[in-house]
Structures are given as C-alpha cells and as structure tokens.
Amino acid sequence: MTKRIFDFVAALSGLLILSPILILIAAVVKLDSPGPVFFRQERVGIHGSVFRIYKFRTMTLNAEAKGQLTIGEDERVTRVGHALRRFKLDELPQLINVILGDMSLVGPRPEVVRYVAKYPKALRDAVLSVRPGITDWASIEFKEENAILGKSHDPERSYVETIMPIKLDYYVRYVHERSFVMDLKIIGHTLLAVASLHRKRDP
C-alpha cells in the first residue's frame, strides 16, 4: 500500500510539473510526422493482466507490422523520435499508466504477450506477481539495447536467447529483494544513467 501511494503521488506530481514539457513534446510529435501523439501497445502486467502502455510515438505509422524490436538505427524511427528515444523522453507518458495502477515507478519492465509466452513458467509466475515498472536494474543495464541488437546478425534470436534471460534474472532478483529503499536507489541510478547518455552524445 505504501508503494502504491508513493507511486500515485510521485506520478501525479511528475505529470503536473512536467506538463509544459509534455505539451511541447506532443505538439512536436504531431507536427513532425502523420499519426497520433501517443503510441499504445498491449503489454502484460501483474498476474498476467493485459493493459495498454503509453509512450510518445517515435515511429512511423504501422511500424509494428515490421517487427516489435527496435534495432540499431531503425529506419522506422522519425526525426523527432530519434531525439525522444536518445533522452528517454518517449517513456514519460507511462506516468499515466502508474496513476491508472497498471504500472509502478519501479518494477520489471512490461513485455509484449509474445515474449512473455517464452518465459519459463516458474520465472513468469514470479515476474508477474508484481506490477511492472517504468524502470529497473535491467533497464539501466540495457539502456542502449537497440544499439546492441543492431550489431547482431539475428536480433530476434539474440534478444530471446541472450538478453531476455539476463533481464529475467534481474526481474526475479528484484521481486525477491524489493523494498522502498531499493526503489529509491533504482530511481537514482536511472537518473544518473539517463544523464550519462546526455553527456555521451554531447559534441
């Protein structure tokens, strides 16, 4: 209950404080390319419930028809989308999912149905026993996942056989060791990781 109250208050405060920036991003997304402001996709949440995750749209219309993984310098990503992804700004609308109760600020990242179906049952039950989150240790470790997959000859296989098992290990460890203090620590490390991406790309 404490975690849920913290999530709700923090997410609502974040939306209110960031509202001018969110409105600006929404306008730029709309002007940059045809299509809606938000990208909504079905993800698997707590106890296997399916919900629609909110992100700022960073790809062209119907991009999912060509695959659900973003790989390297993906040609489907729009001009504005590259900037939003670079600085993780496309993730901000997930604060809406936190307010709705679909997600938490911290927790295992929610996956699409087809990849959750590949989880070993025991691990799947553990991961889905908590609300998924906007960030976690795996998100920090794989903050440049699309670049990693871009170097693979078979990105789909690399994700399922190499990256996903490592993520699952992080997820399960979080489920067993989670605490309010750990959540604060993960949020702090996430902010540092995003800041490092900004510095890395500065000329």
N, C-alpha and C. Protein backbone atom coordinates (compact mmCIF):
# COMPACT_ATOMS: atom_id res chain seq x y z
N MET A 1 0.83 -1.20 0.00
CA MET A 1 0.00 0.00 0.00
C MET A 1 0.88 1.26 0.00
N THR A 2 1.97 1.23 0.77
CA THR A 2 2.88 2.37 0.81
C THR A 2 3.48 2.64 -0.57
N LYS A 3 3.87 1.56 -1.24
CA LYS A 3 4.45 1.69 -2.58
C LYS A 3 3.44 2.28 -3.55
N ARG A 4 2.19 1.83 -3.47
CA ARG A 4 1.15 2.32 -4.37
C ARG A 4 0.86 3.81 -4.13
N ILE A 5 0.82 4.21 -2.87
CA ILE A 5 0.59 5.62 -2.55
C ILE A 5 1.74 6.47 -3.07
N PHE A 6 2.97 6.00 -2.84
CA PHE A 6 4.14 6.74 -3.33
C PHE A 6 4.11 6.85 -4.85
N ASP A 7 3.80 5.74 -5.52
CA ASP A 7 3.72 5.74 -6.99
C ASP A 7 2.72 6.77 -7.48
N PHE A 8 1.53 6.75 -6.89
CA PHE A 8 0.45 7.64 -7.33
C PHE A 8 0.83 9.10 -7.13
N VAL A 9 1.30 9.43 -5.95
CA VAL A 9 1.65 10.83 -5.64
C VAL A 9 2.81 11.30 -6.51
N ALA A 10 3.84 10.45 -6.66
CA ALA A 10 5.01 10.83 -7.45
C ALA A 10 4.65 10.97 -8.93
N ALA A 11 3.85 10.05 -9.45
CA ALA A 11 3.47 10.10 -10.87
C ALA A 11 2.59 11.32 -11.15
N LEU A 12 1.63 11.59 -10.28
CA LEU A 12 0.76 12.75 -10.46
C LEU A 12 1.56 14.04 -10.37
N SER A 13 2.46 14.12 -9.41
CA SER A 13 3.31 15.30 -9.27
C SER A 13 4.19 15.47 -10.50
N GLY A 14 4.73 14.35 -10.99
CA GLY A 14 5.57 14.41 -12.18
C GLY A 14 4.82 14.93 -13.39
N LEU A 15 3.60 14.45 -13.59
CA LEU A 15 2.79 14.91 -14.72
C LEU A 15 2.49 16.41 -14.62
N LEU A 16 2.17 16.86 -13.41
CA LEU A 16 1.85 18.28 -13.22
C LEU A 16 3.08 19.16 -13.45
N ILE A 17 4.20 18.76 -12.89
CA ILE A 17 5.44 19.54 -13.02
C ILE A 17 5.94 19.56 -14.46
N LEU A 18 5.83 18.41 -15.12
CA LEU A 18 6.37 18.28 -16.48
C LEU A 18 5.35 18.63 -17.57
N SER A 19 4.15 19.03 -17.18
CA SER A 19 3.09 19.27 -18.17
C SER A 19 3.48 20.23 -19.29
N PRO A 20 4.19 21.33 -19.02
CA PRO A 20 4.59 22.19 -20.15
C PRO A 20 5.49 21.48 -21.14
N ILE A 21 6.42 20.65 -20.63
CA ILE A 21 7.33 19.90 -21.50
C ILE A 21 6.56 18.84 -22.27
N LEU A 22 5.63 18.17 -21.60
CA LEU A 22 4.84 17.12 -22.24
C LEU A 22 3.98 17.69 -23.36
N ILE A 23 3.40 18.85 -23.13
CA ILE A 23 2.58 19.50 -24.16
C ILE A 23 3.44 19.89 -25.35
N LEU A 24 4.64 20.39 -25.08
CA LEU A 24 5.55 20.77 -26.17
C LEU A 24 5.96 19.55 -26.98
N ILE A 25 6.31 18.46 -26.30
CA ILE A 25 6.70 17.23 -27.00
C ILE A 25 5.54 16.72 -27.85
N ALA A 26 4.33 16.74 -27.28
CA ALA A 26 3.15 16.27 -28.01
C ALA A 26 2.96 17.07 -29.30
N ALA A 27 3.14 18.39 -29.23
CA ALA A 27 2.98 19.24 -30.40
C ALA A 27 4.04 18.94 -31.45
N VAL A 28 5.28 18.73 -31.02
CA VAL A 28 6.37 18.45 -31.95
C VAL A 28 6.17 17.10 -32.63
N VAL A 29 5.72 16.09 -31.86
CA VAL A 29 5.46 14.77 -32.43
C VAL A 29 4.39 14.87 -33.51
N LYS A 30 3.34 15.63 -33.21
CA LYS A 30 2.23 15.77 -34.15
C LYS A 30 2.65 16.48 -35.42
N LEU A 31 3.51 17.50 -35.29
CA LEU A 31 3.94 18.28 -36.45
C LEU A 31 5.00 17.54 -37.28
N ASP A 32 5.74 16.65 -36.64
CA ASP A 32 6.88 16.01 -37.32
C ASP A 32 6.45 14.96 -38.33
N SER A 33 5.40 14.19 -38.02
CA SER A 33 5.00 13.11 -38.93
C SER A 33 3.53 12.77 -38.72
N PRO A 34 2.88 12.23 -39.74
CA PRO A 34 1.46 11.86 -39.62
C PRO A 34 1.26 10.78 -38.58
N GLY A 35 0.16 10.89 -37.83
CA GLY A 35 -0.15 9.86 -36.86
C GLY A 35 -0.49 10.45 -35.51
N PRO A 36 -0.88 9.60 -34.57
CA PRO A 36 -1.25 10.06 -33.22
C PRO A 36 -0.03 10.51 -32.42
N VAL A 37 -0.28 11.23 -31.35
CA VAL A 37 0.79 11.67 -30.46
C VAL A 37 1.33 10.49 -29.66
N PHE A 38 0.42 9.65 -29.19
CA PHE A 38 0.82 8.53 -28.34
C PHE A 38 0.89 7.22 -29.12
N PHE A 39 1.85 6.40 -28.71
CA PHE A 39 1.93 5.01 -29.17
C PHE A 39 1.39 4.16 -28.04
N ARG A 40 0.41 3.33 -28.32
CA ARG A 40 -0.16 2.45 -27.31
C ARG A 40 0.00 1.00 -27.75
N GLN A 41 0.47 0.19 -26.84
CA GLN A 41 0.76 -1.20 -27.18
C GLN A 41 0.35 -2.10 -26.03
N GLU A 42 -0.17 -3.27 -26.34
CA GLU A 42 -0.56 -4.21 -25.29
C GLU A 42 0.67 -4.82 -24.63
N ARG A 43 0.71 -4.74 -23.31
CA ARG A 43 1.77 -5.35 -22.53
C ARG A 43 1.15 -6.20 -21.43
N VAL A 44 1.94 -7.11 -20.87
CA VAL A 44 1.45 -8.00 -19.82
C VAL A 44 1.82 -7.42 -18.47
N GLY A 45 0.80 -7.27 -17.61
CA GLY A 45 1.01 -6.68 -16.30
C GLY A 45 0.89 -7.70 -15.18
N ILE A 46 0.61 -7.20 -13.99
CA ILE A 46 0.54 -8.03 -12.79
C ILE A 46 -0.49 -9.14 -12.96
N HIS A 47 -0.12 -10.33 -12.55
CA HIS A 47 -0.96 -11.54 -12.61
C HIS A 47 -1.41 -11.87 -14.04
N GLY A 48 -0.65 -11.42 -15.03
CA GLY A 48 -0.96 -11.76 -16.41
C GLY A 48 -2.00 -10.87 -17.06
N SER A 49 -2.47 -9.85 -16.36
CA SER A 49 -3.45 -8.94 -16.96
C SER A 49 -2.80 -8.16 -18.10
N VAL A 50 -3.58 -7.90 -19.15
CA VAL A 50 -3.05 -7.18 -20.31
C VAL A 50 -3.55 -5.73 -20.26
N PHE A 51 -2.65 -4.79 -20.46
CA PHE A 51 -3.01 -3.38 -20.46
C PHE A 51 -2.32 -2.69 -21.63
N ARG A 52 -2.71 -1.46 -21.90
CA ARG A 52 -2.09 -0.68 -22.98
C ARG A 52 -1.11 0.32 -22.38
N ILE A 53 0.14 0.20 -22.78
CA ILE A 53 1.17 1.10 -22.29
C ILE A 53 1.18 2.37 -23.14
N TYR A 54 1.47 3.51 -22.51
CA TYR A 54 1.53 4.79 -23.21
C TYR A 54 2.98 5.23 -23.40
N LYS A 55 3.29 5.63 -24.64
CA LYS A 55 4.57 6.26 -24.93
C LYS A 55 4.32 7.36 -25.96
N PHE A 56 5.23 8.32 -26.04
CA PHE A 56 5.15 9.23 -27.17
C PHE A 56 5.53 8.45 -28.42
N ARG A 57 4.80 8.67 -29.50
CA ARG A 57 5.09 7.94 -30.74
C ARG A 57 6.43 8.40 -31.30
N THR A 58 7.30 7.44 -31.57
CA THR A 58 8.62 7.74 -32.12
C THR A 58 8.85 7.11 -33.49
N MET A 59 7.84 6.36 -33.97
CA MET A 59 7.99 5.66 -35.25
C MET A 59 6.88 6.07 -36.22
N THR A 60 7.08 5.70 -37.46
CA THR A 60 6.06 5.96 -38.48
C THR A 60 4.84 5.07 -38.24
N LEU A 61 3.75 5.40 -38.88
CA LEU A 61 2.53 4.62 -38.72
C LEU A 61 2.73 3.17 -39.16
N ASN A 62 2.09 2.26 -38.46
CA ASN A 62 2.12 0.82 -38.78
C ASN A 62 3.52 0.23 -38.73
N ALA A 63 4.41 0.85 -37.95
CA ALA A 63 5.78 0.35 -37.85
C ALA A 63 5.84 -1.05 -37.25
N GLU A 64 4.89 -1.36 -36.36
CA GLU A 64 4.90 -2.67 -35.69
C GLU A 64 4.74 -3.83 -36.65
N ALA A 65 4.17 -3.56 -37.81
CA ALA A 65 3.98 -4.63 -38.80
C ALA A 65 5.31 -5.21 -39.25
N LYS A 66 6.38 -4.45 -39.06
CA LYS A 66 7.72 -4.90 -39.48
C LYS A 66 8.52 -5.48 -38.31
N GLY A 67 7.88 -5.64 -37.17
CA GLY A 67 8.57 -6.23 -36.02
C GLY A 67 8.43 -5.38 -34.77
N GLN A 68 8.55 -6.04 -33.59
CA GLN A 68 8.36 -5.33 -32.32
C GLN A 68 9.67 -4.96 -31.65
N LEU A 69 10.79 -5.33 -32.24
CA LEU A 69 12.08 -4.91 -31.72
C LEU A 69 12.59 -3.70 -32.48
N THR A 70 13.21 -2.77 -31.75
CA THR A 70 13.87 -1.63 -32.39
C THR A 70 15.35 -1.96 -32.49
N ILE A 71 15.87 -1.94 -33.71
CA ILE A 71 17.22 -2.45 -33.95
C ILE A 71 18.11 -1.37 -34.55
N GLY A 72 19.18 -1.03 -33.81
CA GLY A 72 20.17 -0.08 -34.31
C GLY A 72 19.54 1.23 -34.78
N GLU A 73 20.01 1.74 -35.90
CA GLU A 73 19.46 2.96 -36.49
C GLU A 73 18.24 2.59 -37.32
N ASP A 74 17.18 2.23 -36.63
CA ASP A 74 15.96 1.73 -37.27
C ASP A 74 15.34 2.80 -38.16
N GLU A 75 15.12 2.46 -39.43
CA GLU A 75 14.59 3.42 -40.40
C GLU A 75 13.15 3.82 -40.10
N ARG A 76 12.47 3.08 -39.25
CA ARG A 76 11.08 3.40 -38.90
C ARG A 76 10.98 4.56 -37.92
N VAL A 77 12.08 4.87 -37.24
CA VAL A 77 12.08 5.94 -36.24
C VAL A 77 12.06 7.30 -36.93
N THR A 78 11.20 8.19 -36.47
CA THR A 78 11.07 9.52 -37.05
C THR A 78 12.21 10.42 -36.60
N ARG A 79 12.30 11.62 -37.20
CA ARG A 79 13.35 12.56 -36.81
C ARG A 79 13.23 12.94 -35.34
N VAL A 80 12.02 13.32 -34.94
CA VAL A 80 11.80 13.66 -33.54
C VAL A 80 11.94 12.42 -32.66
N GLY A 81 11.54 11.29 -33.19
CA GLY A 81 11.63 10.04 -32.44
C GLY A 81 13.05 9.71 -32.01
N HIS A 82 14.02 10.00 -32.86
CA HIS A 82 15.42 9.74 -32.51
C HIS A 82 15.81 10.52 -31.26
N ALA A 83 15.41 11.78 -31.19
CA ALA A 83 15.75 12.61 -30.04
C ALA A 83 15.02 12.14 -28.79
N LEU A 84 13.75 11.80 -28.93
CA LEU A 84 12.98 11.34 -27.78
C LEU A 84 13.55 10.05 -27.21
N ARG A 85 13.92 9.14 -28.09
CA ARG A 85 14.50 7.87 -27.64
C ARG A 85 15.87 8.08 -27.02
N ARG A 86 16.64 8.98 -27.60
CA ARG A 86 18.00 9.24 -27.12
C ARG A 86 17.99 9.67 -25.67
N PHE A 87 17.02 10.53 -25.32
CA PHE A 87 16.96 11.05 -23.97
C PHE A 87 15.86 10.40 -23.12
N LYS A 88 15.29 9.29 -23.63
CA LYS A 88 14.27 8.51 -22.91
C LYS A 88 13.00 9.31 -22.63
N LEU A 89 12.78 10.39 -23.36
CA LEU A 89 11.59 11.22 -23.14
C LEU A 89 10.31 10.53 -23.62
N ASP A 90 10.45 9.57 -24.53
CA ASP A 90 9.25 8.87 -25.01
C ASP A 90 8.58 8.04 -23.92
N GLU A 91 9.32 7.76 -22.83
CA GLU A 91 8.79 6.94 -21.75
C GLU A 91 7.93 7.72 -20.76
N LEU A 92 7.99 9.06 -20.79
CA LEU A 92 7.32 9.87 -19.78
C LEU A 92 5.80 9.63 -19.68
N PRO A 93 5.08 9.39 -20.79
CA PRO A 93 3.64 9.15 -20.66
C PRO A 93 3.29 7.92 -19.83
N GLN A 94 4.25 7.07 -19.53
CA GLN A 94 3.96 5.91 -18.69
C GLN A 94 3.59 6.32 -17.27
N LEU A 95 3.82 7.59 -16.93
CA LEU A 95 3.33 8.10 -15.65
C LEU A 95 1.81 7.97 -15.59
N ILE A 96 1.15 8.04 -16.75
CA ILE A 96 -0.30 7.83 -16.82
C ILE A 96 -0.63 6.40 -16.40
N ASN A 97 0.15 5.44 -16.89
CA ASN A 97 -0.07 4.03 -16.52
C ASN A 97 0.12 3.81 -15.02
N VAL A 98 1.06 4.57 -14.44
CA VAL A 98 1.29 4.45 -12.99
C VAL A 98 0.07 4.96 -12.23
N ILE A 99 -0.46 6.09 -12.65
CA ILE A 99 -1.65 6.65 -11.99
C ILE A 99 -2.84 5.70 -12.12
N LEU A 100 -2.97 5.09 -13.29
CA LEU A 100 -4.09 4.15 -13.52
C LEU A 100 -3.94 2.85 -12.74
N GLY A 101 -2.72 2.58 -12.24
CA GLY A 101 -2.50 1.35 -11.49
C GLY A 101 -2.00 0.19 -12.33
N ASP A 102 -1.76 0.44 -13.63
CA ASP A 102 -1.22 -0.62 -14.49
C ASP A 102 0.24 -0.90 -14.18
N MET A 103 0.96 0.16 -13.77
CA MET A 103 2.40 0.06 -13.59
C MET A 103 2.81 0.73 -12.28
N SER A 104 4.07 0.50 -11.93
CA SER A 104 4.70 1.17 -10.80
C SER A 104 5.86 2.00 -11.35
N LEU A 105 6.41 2.88 -10.54
CA LEU A 105 7.60 3.61 -10.98
C LEU A 105 8.76 2.63 -11.18
N VAL A 106 8.88 1.68 -10.27
CA VAL A 106 9.97 0.70 -10.31
C VAL A 106 9.40 -0.71 -10.31
N GLY A 107 9.92 -1.54 -11.19
CA GLY A 107 9.49 -2.92 -11.27
C GLY A 107 9.96 -3.53 -12.58
N PRO A 108 9.80 -4.81 -12.77
CA PRO A 108 10.19 -5.45 -14.04
C PRO A 108 9.51 -4.76 -15.21
N ARG A 109 10.25 -4.52 -16.28
CA ARG A 109 9.66 -3.87 -17.44
C ARG A 109 8.58 -4.76 -18.06
N PRO A 110 7.43 -4.18 -18.41
CA PRO A 110 6.35 -4.98 -19.01
C PRO A 110 6.68 -5.38 -20.44
N GLU A 111 6.46 -6.64 -20.77
CA GLU A 111 6.77 -7.15 -22.11
C GLU A 111 5.49 -7.36 -22.90
N VAL A 112 5.66 -7.52 -24.20
CA VAL A 112 4.53 -7.86 -25.06
C VAL A 112 4.19 -9.34 -24.85
N VAL A 113 2.99 -9.71 -25.22
CA VAL A 113 2.48 -11.06 -24.96
C VAL A 113 3.38 -12.14 -25.56
N ARG A 114 3.85 -11.93 -26.77
CA ARG A 114 4.60 -12.99 -27.46
C ARG A 114 5.92 -13.33 -26.77
N TYR A 115 6.53 -12.36 -26.12
CA TYR A 115 7.79 -12.64 -25.42
C TYR A 115 7.52 -13.20 -24.02
N VAL A 116 6.47 -12.75 -23.35
CA VAL A 116 6.13 -13.31 -22.04
C VAL A 116 5.81 -14.80 -22.18
N ALA A 117 5.23 -15.18 -23.31
CA ALA A 117 4.91 -16.59 -23.55
C ALA A 117 6.17 -17.45 -23.59
N LYS A 118 7.33 -16.84 -23.80
CA LYS A 118 8.59 -17.58 -23.85
C LYS A 118 9.26 -17.69 -22.49
N TYR A 119 8.73 -16.98 -21.48
CA TYR A 119 9.32 -17.07 -20.15
C TYR A 119 9.11 -18.48 -19.59
N PRO A 120 10.12 -19.08 -18.93
CA PRO A 120 9.88 -20.33 -18.19
C PRO A 120 8.80 -20.09 -17.14
N LYS A 121 7.93 -21.06 -16.93
CA LYS A 121 6.74 -20.85 -16.10
C LYS A 121 7.07 -20.33 -14.70
N ALA A 122 8.05 -20.92 -14.05
CA ALA A 122 8.38 -20.50 -12.68
C ALA A 122 8.82 -19.04 -12.65
N LEU A 123 9.62 -18.64 -13.64
CA LEU A 123 10.08 -17.26 -13.69
C LEU A 123 8.93 -16.33 -14.06
N ARG A 124 8.08 -16.78 -14.97
CA ARG A 124 6.93 -15.96 -15.37
C ARG A 124 6.02 -15.67 -14.17
N ASP A 125 5.76 -16.70 -13.37
CA ASP A 125 4.89 -16.52 -12.21
C ASP A 125 5.50 -15.51 -11.23
N ALA A 126 6.80 -15.57 -11.05
CA ALA A 126 7.48 -14.64 -10.13
C ALA A 126 7.43 -13.22 -10.67
N VAL A 127 7.80 -13.04 -11.94
CA VAL A 127 7.86 -11.71 -12.54
C VAL A 127 6.48 -11.04 -12.54
N LEU A 128 5.45 -11.83 -12.84
CA LEU A 128 4.11 -11.26 -12.95
C LEU A 128 3.40 -11.16 -11.60
N SER A 129 4.10 -11.44 -10.52
CA SER A 129 3.50 -11.33 -9.19
C SER A 129 3.52 -9.89 -8.67
N VAL A 130 4.22 -9.01 -9.39
CA VAL A 130 4.29 -7.59 -9.01
C VAL A 130 3.92 -6.72 -10.20
N ARG A 131 3.58 -5.46 -9.93
CA ARG A 131 3.31 -4.54 -11.03
C ARG A 131 4.59 -4.26 -11.81
N PRO A 132 4.49 -4.21 -13.13
CA PRO A 132 5.65 -3.83 -13.93
C PRO A 132 5.99 -2.37 -13.69
N GLY A 133 7.22 -1.99 -14.03
CA GLY A 133 7.66 -0.63 -13.73
C GLY A 133 8.19 0.13 -14.93
N ILE A 134 8.35 1.44 -14.72
CA ILE A 134 8.95 2.28 -15.76
C ILE A 134 10.44 2.01 -15.85
N THR A 135 11.05 1.69 -14.71
CA THR A 135 12.49 1.41 -14.70
C THR A 135 12.82 0.30 -13.71
N ASP A 136 13.99 -0.31 -13.90
CA ASP A 136 14.51 -1.32 -13.00
C ASP A 136 15.98 -1.51 -13.33
N TRP A 137 16.63 -2.46 -12.66
CA TRP A 137 18.06 -2.67 -12.90
C TRP A 137 18.34 -3.09 -14.34
N ALA A 138 17.46 -3.89 -14.93
CA ALA A 138 17.66 -4.33 -16.32
C ALA A 138 17.58 -3.15 -17.28
N SER A 139 16.68 -2.21 -17.02
CA SER A 139 16.56 -1.03 -17.88
C SER A 139 17.86 -0.22 -17.87
N ILE A 140 18.49 -0.16 -16.71
CA ILE A 140 19.75 0.57 -16.60
C ILE A 140 20.86 -0.19 -17.33
N GLU A 141 20.91 -1.50 -17.12
CA GLU A 141 21.94 -2.33 -17.75
C GLU A 141 21.83 -2.29 -19.28
N PHE A 142 20.60 -2.31 -19.79
CA PHE A 142 20.38 -2.35 -21.24
C PHE A 142 19.81 -1.03 -21.75
N LYS A 143 20.34 0.08 -21.26
CA LYS A 143 19.83 1.39 -21.66
C LYS A 143 20.06 1.67 -23.14
N GLU A 144 20.98 0.94 -23.75
CA GLU A 144 21.22 1.10 -25.19
C GLU A 144 21.00 -0.23 -25.91
N GLU A 145 19.92 -0.87 -25.56
CA GLU A 145 19.60 -2.20 -26.09
C GLU A 145 19.49 -2.22 -27.61
N ASN A 146 18.84 -1.20 -28.19
CA ASN A 146 18.65 -1.21 -29.65
C ASN A 146 19.98 -1.17 -30.38
N ALA A 147 20.98 -0.47 -29.80
CA ALA A 147 22.31 -0.42 -30.42
C ALA A 147 22.98 -1.79 -30.33
N ILE A 148 22.78 -2.49 -29.21
CA ILE A 148 23.33 -3.83 -29.04
C ILE A 148 22.74 -4.79 -30.07
N LEU A 149 21.42 -4.73 -30.23
CA LEU A 149 20.75 -5.61 -31.19
C LEU A 149 21.14 -5.26 -32.61
N GLY A 150 21.46 -3.99 -32.85
CA GLY A 150 21.86 -3.57 -34.20
C GLY A 150 23.16 -4.22 -34.66
N LYS A 151 23.95 -4.73 -33.73
CA LYS A 151 25.22 -5.38 -34.07
C LYS A 151 25.06 -6.88 -34.27
N SER A 152 23.84 -7.39 -34.06
CA SER A 152 23.60 -8.83 -34.16
C SER A 152 23.17 -9.21 -35.58
N HIS A 153 23.60 -10.39 -36.03
CA HIS A 153 23.17 -10.90 -37.33
C HIS A 153 21.73 -11.43 -37.26
N ASP A 154 21.29 -11.77 -36.06
CA ASP A 154 19.92 -12.27 -35.86
C ASP A 154 19.38 -11.64 -34.58
N PRO A 155 18.89 -10.39 -34.67
CA PRO A 155 18.45 -9.65 -33.47
C PRO A 155 17.38 -10.37 -32.66
N GLU A 156 16.42 -10.99 -33.34
CA GLU A 156 15.35 -11.69 -32.63
C GLU A 156 15.91 -12.81 -31.76
N ARG A 157 16.80 -13.60 -32.34
CA ARG A 157 17.39 -14.70 -31.59
C ARG A 157 18.28 -14.18 -30.46
N SER A 158 19.02 -13.12 -30.73
CA SER A 158 19.89 -12.54 -29.70
C SER A 158 19.08 -12.03 -28.52
N TYR A 159 17.92 -11.44 -28.82
CA TYR A 159 17.08 -10.93 -27.74
C TYR A 159 16.53 -12.08 -26.90
N VAL A 160 15.97 -13.07 -27.56
CA VAL A 160 15.30 -14.17 -26.84
C VAL A 160 16.31 -15.05 -26.10
N GLU A 161 17.45 -15.34 -26.71
CA GLU A 161 18.38 -16.30 -26.13
C GLU A 161 19.47 -15.68 -25.26
N THR A 162 19.76 -14.40 -25.45
CA THR A 162 20.85 -13.76 -24.70
C THR A 162 20.36 -12.67 -23.76
N ILE A 163 19.65 -11.69 -24.31
CA ILE A 163 19.25 -10.54 -23.49
C ILE A 163 18.11 -10.88 -22.54
N MET A 164 17.09 -11.55 -23.04
CA MET A 164 15.92 -11.83 -22.21
C MET A 164 16.24 -12.65 -20.96
N PRO A 165 17.08 -13.69 -21.02
CA PRO A 165 17.42 -14.42 -19.80
C PRO A 165 18.11 -13.55 -18.75
N ILE A 166 18.96 -12.62 -19.21
CA ILE A 166 19.62 -11.72 -18.26
C ILE A 166 18.59 -10.79 -17.61
N LYS A 167 17.66 -10.28 -18.42
CA LYS A 167 16.61 -9.43 -17.89
C LYS A 167 15.77 -10.19 -16.86
N LEU A 168 15.41 -11.43 -17.19
CA LEU A 168 14.61 -12.22 -16.27
C LEU A 168 15.31 -12.43 -14.93
N ASP A 169 16.61 -12.60 -14.98
CA ASP A 169 17.38 -12.75 -13.74
C ASP A 169 17.27 -11.48 -12.90
N TYR A 170 17.41 -10.33 -13.54
CA TYR A 170 17.25 -9.06 -12.82
C TYR A 170 15.84 -8.94 -12.25
N TYR A 171 14.83 -9.30 -13.06
CA TYR A 171 13.44 -9.17 -12.63
C TYR A 171 13.17 -10.01 -11.38
N VAL A 172 13.58 -11.26 -11.43
CA VAL A 172 13.31 -12.18 -10.32
C VAL A 172 14.05 -11.74 -9.05
N ARG A 173 15.28 -11.27 -9.23
CA ARG A 173 16.03 -10.78 -8.07
C ARG A 173 15.32 -9.58 -7.45
N TYR A 174 14.78 -8.72 -8.30
CA TYR A 174 14.04 -7.56 -7.77
C TYR A 174 12.82 -8.01 -6.98
N VAL A 175 12.08 -8.97 -7.51
CA VAL A 175 10.87 -9.45 -6.84
C VAL A 175 11.21 -9.97 -5.44
N HIS A 176 12.31 -10.68 -5.31
CA HIS A 176 12.67 -11.28 -4.03
C HIS A 176 13.32 -10.29 -3.06
N GLU A 177 13.96 -9.25 -3.60
CA GLU A 177 14.72 -8.33 -2.74
C GLU A 177 14.11 -6.94 -2.64
N ARG A 178 12.95 -6.72 -3.27
CA ARG A 178 12.41 -5.38 -3.38
C ARG A 178 12.12 -4.75 -2.02
N SER A 179 12.29 -3.44 -1.99
CA SER A 179 11.99 -2.64 -0.80
C SER A 179 11.85 -1.19 -1.25
N PHE A 180 11.31 -0.36 -0.39
CA PHE A 180 11.14 1.05 -0.71
C PHE A 180 12.50 1.71 -0.92
N VAL A 181 13.47 1.34 -0.10
CA VAL A 181 14.82 1.90 -0.22
C VAL A 181 15.43 1.49 -1.56
N MET A 182 15.24 0.23 -1.94
CA MET A 182 15.78 -0.23 -3.23
C MET A 182 15.13 0.54 -4.38
N ASP A 183 13.83 0.80 -4.30
CA ASP A 183 13.15 1.56 -5.35
C ASP A 183 13.78 2.94 -5.51
N LEU A 184 14.03 3.61 -4.39
CA LEU A 184 14.65 4.93 -4.43
C LEU A 184 16.05 4.85 -5.04
N LYS A 185 16.76 3.79 -4.71
CA LYS A 185 18.11 3.60 -5.25
C LYS A 185 18.07 3.40 -6.77
N ILE A 186 17.10 2.60 -7.25
CA ILE A 186 16.97 2.35 -8.68
C ILE A 186 16.58 3.64 -9.42
N ILE A 187 15.68 4.43 -8.84
CA ILE A 187 15.30 5.70 -9.45
C ILE A 187 16.52 6.62 -9.57
N GLY A 188 17.33 6.67 -8.51
CA GLY A 188 18.53 7.49 -8.55
C GLY A 188 19.51 7.03 -9.61
N HIS A 189 19.73 5.72 -9.70
CA HIS A 189 20.64 5.18 -10.72
C HIS A 189 20.10 5.40 -12.13
N THR A 190 18.78 5.36 -12.27
CA THR A 190 18.17 5.60 -13.58
C THR A 190 18.44 7.03 -14.04
N LEU A 191 18.27 7.98 -13.13
CA LEU A 191 18.53 9.39 -13.47
C LEU A 191 20.00 9.59 -13.86
N LEU A 192 20.89 8.92 -13.16
CA LEU A 192 22.32 9.02 -13.49
C LEU A 192 22.61 8.39 -14.85
N ALA A 193 21.95 7.27 -15.14
CA ALA A 193 22.16 6.59 -16.42
C ALA A 193 21.68 7.45 -17.58
N VAL A 194 20.51 8.10 -17.42
CA VAL A 194 20.00 8.98 -18.47
C VAL A 194 20.92 10.19 -18.64
N ALA A 195 21.42 10.73 -17.52
CA ALA A 195 22.34 11.86 -17.60
C ALA A 195 23.62 11.47 -18.33
N SER A 196 24.08 10.23 -18.12
CA SER A 196 25.30 9.77 -18.80
C SER A 196 25.09 9.67 -20.31
N LEU A 197 23.87 9.32 -20.73
CA LEU A 197 23.55 9.27 -22.15
C LEU A 197 23.60 10.67 -22.75
N HIS A 198 23.14 11.66 -22.02
CA HIS A 198 23.17 13.04 -22.48
C HIS A 198 24.62 13.49 -22.68
N ARG A 199 25.48 13.20 -21.68
CA ARG A 199 26.87 13.61 -21.78
C ARG A 199 27.58 12.89 -22.90
N LYS A 200 27.26 11.62 -23.08
CA LYS A 200 27.91 10.81 -24.10
C LYS A 200 27.64 11.34 -25.49
N ARG A 201 26.47 11.94 -25.71
CA ARG A 201 26.09 12.41 -27.02
C ARG A 201 26.36 13.89 -27.23
N ASP A 202 26.85 14.57 -26.19
CA ASP A 202 27.21 15.96 -26.37
C ASP A 202 28.44 16.06 -27.25
N PRO A 203 28.51 17.01 -28.21
CA PRO A 203 29.68 17.14 -29.08
C PRO A 203 30.90 17.60 -28.30
